[in-house]
Amino acid sequence: MDYNQIDHLLYGGPDLTLASKEINALMGIVPITGGSHPGKGTRNELLGLSHGAYLELIGPDTHQQVVSTWMEVDKFPENRLFRWAAKSND
C-alpha cells in the first residue's frame, strides 16, 4: 500500500441534500446514501472515485440534537470541498 495516497475527499456544509444535487450536476452521478454519525450531528453520502478513493458528502443530520456538528459543517456559509484524508495503517 502506498501511504501517500488520498483515501477520501470531504465536500459538505449546511445542506447535504443541496450538496448531493450540486455534485450530481457537476459530475452527472448520484451519490449513494451513507449513514448517520451518531452523537456528531452529521450524516453523509458517498461517491466512489478511483484507486479506492471516494468523495464523502457531509452535512447536518436534522434527526440528531447536538450543540455543534462534527467539523462544524453547519456553520459553513455554503457547501464546499473542505478536507481530505490520506490512507494509513491507523
C-alpha atoms as a PDB file:
ATOM      1  CA  MET A   1       0.000   0.000   0.000  1.00  0.00           C
ATOM      2  CA  ASP A   2       1.216   3.468  -0.857  1.00  0.00           C
ATOM      3  CA  TYR A   3       0.599   5.565   2.271  1.00  0.00           C
ATOM      4  CA  ASN A   4       0.765   8.821   0.323  1.00  0.00           C
ATOM      5  CA  GLN A   5      -2.498   8.135  -1.481  1.00  0.00           C
ATOM      6  CA  ILE A   6      -5.706  10.049  -0.896  1.00  0.00           C
ATOM      7  CA  ASP A   7      -8.309   7.975   0.944  1.00  0.00           C
ATOM      8  CA  HIS A   8     -11.189  10.394   0.583  1.00  0.00           C
ATOM      9  CA  LEU A   9     -12.187  13.999  -0.024  1.00  0.00           C
ATOM     10  CA  LEU A  10     -14.852  15.758   2.047  1.00  0.00           C
ATOM     11  CA  TYR A  11     -17.415  18.038   0.437  1.00  0.00           C
ATOM     12  CA  GLY A  12     -20.189  19.494   2.515  1.00  0.00           C
ATOM     13  CA  GLY A  13     -21.682  22.223   4.553  1.00  0.00           C
ATOM     14  CA  PRO A  14     -25.031  23.315   5.884  1.00  0.00           C
ATOM     15  CA  ASP A  15     -27.234  21.344   3.437  1.00  0.00           C
ATOM     16  CA  LEU A  16     -26.449  17.731   2.481  1.00  0.00           C
ATOM     17  CA  THR A  17     -29.386  17.489   0.067  1.00  0.00           C
ATOM     18  CA  LEU A  18     -28.134  20.531  -1.817  1.00  0.00           C
ATOM     19  CA  ALA A  19     -24.553  19.196  -1.733  1.00  0.00           C
ATOM     20  CA  SER A  20     -25.767  15.974  -3.355  1.00  0.00           C
ATOM     21  CA  LYS A  21     -27.598  17.937  -6.064  1.00  0.00           C
ATOM     22  CA  GLU A  22     -24.507  20.091  -6.682  1.00  0.00           C
ATOM     23  CA  ILE A  23     -22.251  17.052  -7.127  1.00  0.00           C
ATOM     24  CA  ASN A  24     -24.823  15.374  -9.359  1.00  0.00           C
ATOM     25  CA  ALA A  25     -24.980  18.495 -11.556  1.00  0.00           C
ATOM     26  CA  LEU A  26     -21.179  18.737 -11.750  1.00  0.00           C
ATOM     27  CA  MET A  27     -20.376  15.064 -12.248  1.00  0.00           C
ATOM     28  CA  GLY A  28     -23.575  13.523 -13.572  1.00  0.00           C
ATOM     29  CA  ILE A  29     -23.535  10.893 -10.819  1.00  0.00           C
ATOM     30  CA  VAL A  30     -25.904  10.475  -7.879  1.00  0.00           C
ATOM     31  CA  PRO A  31     -24.069   9.798  -4.585  1.00  0.00           C
ATOM     32  CA  ILE A  32     -25.315   6.849  -2.539  1.00  0.00           C
ATOM     33  CA  THR A  33     -26.700   7.205   0.965  1.00  0.00           C
ATOM     34  CA  GLY A  34     -24.025   6.587   3.562  1.00  0.00           C
ATOM     35  CA  GLY A  35     -25.373   6.976   7.049  1.00  0.00           C
ATOM     36  CA  SER A  36     -25.587   8.939  10.227  1.00  0.00           C
ATOM     37  CA  HIS A  37     -22.721   9.744  12.592  1.00  0.00           C
ATOM     38  CA  PRO A  38     -24.399   9.164  15.984  1.00  0.00           C
ATOM     39  CA  GLY A  39     -23.642  11.870  18.543  1.00  0.00           C
ATOM     40  CA  LYS A  40     -21.836  14.026  15.978  1.00  0.00           C
ATOM     41  CA  GLY A  41     -24.881  15.621  14.381  1.00  0.00           C
ATOM     42  CA  THR A  42     -23.945  14.710  10.800  1.00  0.00           C
ATOM     43  CA  ARG A  43     -24.839  12.257   8.071  1.00  0.00           C
ATOM     44  CA  ASN A  44     -23.196  11.505   4.743  1.00  0.00           C
ATOM     45  CA  GLU A  45     -23.464  10.312   1.179  1.00  0.00           C
ATOM     46  CA  LEU A  46     -20.660   8.657  -0.790  1.00  0.00           C
ATOM     47  CA  LEU A  47     -19.347   8.643  -4.321  1.00  0.00           C
ATOM     48  CA  GLY A  48     -16.603   6.266  -5.496  1.00  0.00           C
ATOM     49  CA  LEU A  49     -13.727   7.864  -7.383  1.00  0.00           C
ATOM     50  CA  SER A  50     -10.775   5.712  -8.470  1.00  0.00           C
ATOM     51  CA  HIS A  51      -7.977   3.664  -6.899  1.00  0.00           C
ATOM     52  CA  GLY A  52     -10.181   3.035  -3.856  1.00  0.00           C
ATOM     53  CA  ALA A  53     -10.651   6.741  -3.118  1.00  0.00           C
ATOM     54  CA  TYR A  54     -14.054   8.282  -2.595  1.00  0.00           C
ATOM     55  CA  LEU A  55     -15.850  11.586  -2.161  1.00  0.00           C
ATOM     56  CA  GLU A  56     -17.744  11.940   1.113  1.00  0.00           C
ATOM     57  CA  LEU A  57     -20.571  14.452   1.154  1.00  0.00           C
ATOM     58  CA  ILE A  58     -21.335  15.513   4.713  1.00  0.00           C
ATOM     59  CA  GLY A  59     -23.954  17.731   6.299  1.00  0.00           C
ATOM     60  CA  PRO A  60     -26.098  18.169   9.382  1.00  0.00           C
ATOM     61  CA  ASP A  61     -28.360  15.316  10.448  1.00  0.00           C
ATOM     62  CA  THR A  62     -31.592  17.042  11.422  1.00  0.00           C
ATOM     63  CA  HIS A  63     -32.693  13.970  13.411  1.00  0.00           C
ATOM     64  CA  GLN A  64     -29.921  14.498  15.958  1.00  0.00           C
ATOM     65  CA  GLN A  65     -29.960  17.072  18.754  1.00  0.00           C
ATOM     66  CA  VAL A  66     -26.392  18.348  19.178  1.00  0.00           C
ATOM     67  CA  VAL A  67     -24.875  21.697  20.152  1.00  0.00           C
ATOM     68  CA  SER A  68     -22.461  21.722  17.212  1.00  0.00           C
ATOM     69  CA  THR A  69     -21.992  19.356  14.291  1.00  0.00           C
ATOM     70  CA  TRP A  70     -18.847  17.358  13.631  1.00  0.00           C
ATOM     71  CA  MET A  71     -16.288  19.581  11.883  1.00  0.00           C
ATOM     72  CA  GLU A  72     -18.838  22.401  12.336  1.00  0.00           C
ATOM     73  CA  VAL A  73     -20.200  21.889   8.816  1.00  0.00           C
ATOM     74  CA  ASP A  74     -23.457  23.555   9.848  1.00  0.00           C
ATOM     75  CA  LYS A  75     -21.527  26.835  10.245  1.00  0.00           C
ATOM     76  CA  PHE A  76     -20.089  26.895   6.706  1.00  0.00           C
ATOM     77  CA  PRO A  77     -21.639  29.705   4.622  1.00  0.00           C
ATOM     78  CA  GLU A  78     -22.152  27.232   1.744  1.00  0.00           C
ATOM     79  CA  ASN A  79     -21.264  23.702   0.683  1.00  0.00           C
ATOM     80  CA  ARG A  80     -17.622  23.306  -0.338  1.00  0.00           C
ATOM     81  CA  LEU A  81     -14.689  20.938  -0.660  1.00  0.00           C
ATOM     82  CA  PHE A  82     -13.019  21.392   2.713  1.00  0.00           C
ATOM     83  CA  ARG A  83     -10.827  18.469   3.739  1.00  0.00           C
ATOM     84  CA  TRP A  84      -9.000  15.385   2.565  1.00  0.00           C
ATOM     85  CA  ALA A  85      -7.781  12.245   4.322  1.00  0.00           C
ATOM     86  CA  ALA A  86      -4.717  10.155   3.457  1.00  0.00           C
ATOM     87  CA  LYS A  87      -4.592   6.361   3.609  1.00  0.00           C
ATOM     88  CA  SER A  88      -2.696   4.906   6.541  1.00  0.00           C
ATOM     89  CA  ASN A  89      -2.441   1.872   8.778  1.00  0.00           C
ATOM     90  CA  ASP A  90      -4.097   3.752  11.640  1.00  0.00           C
END
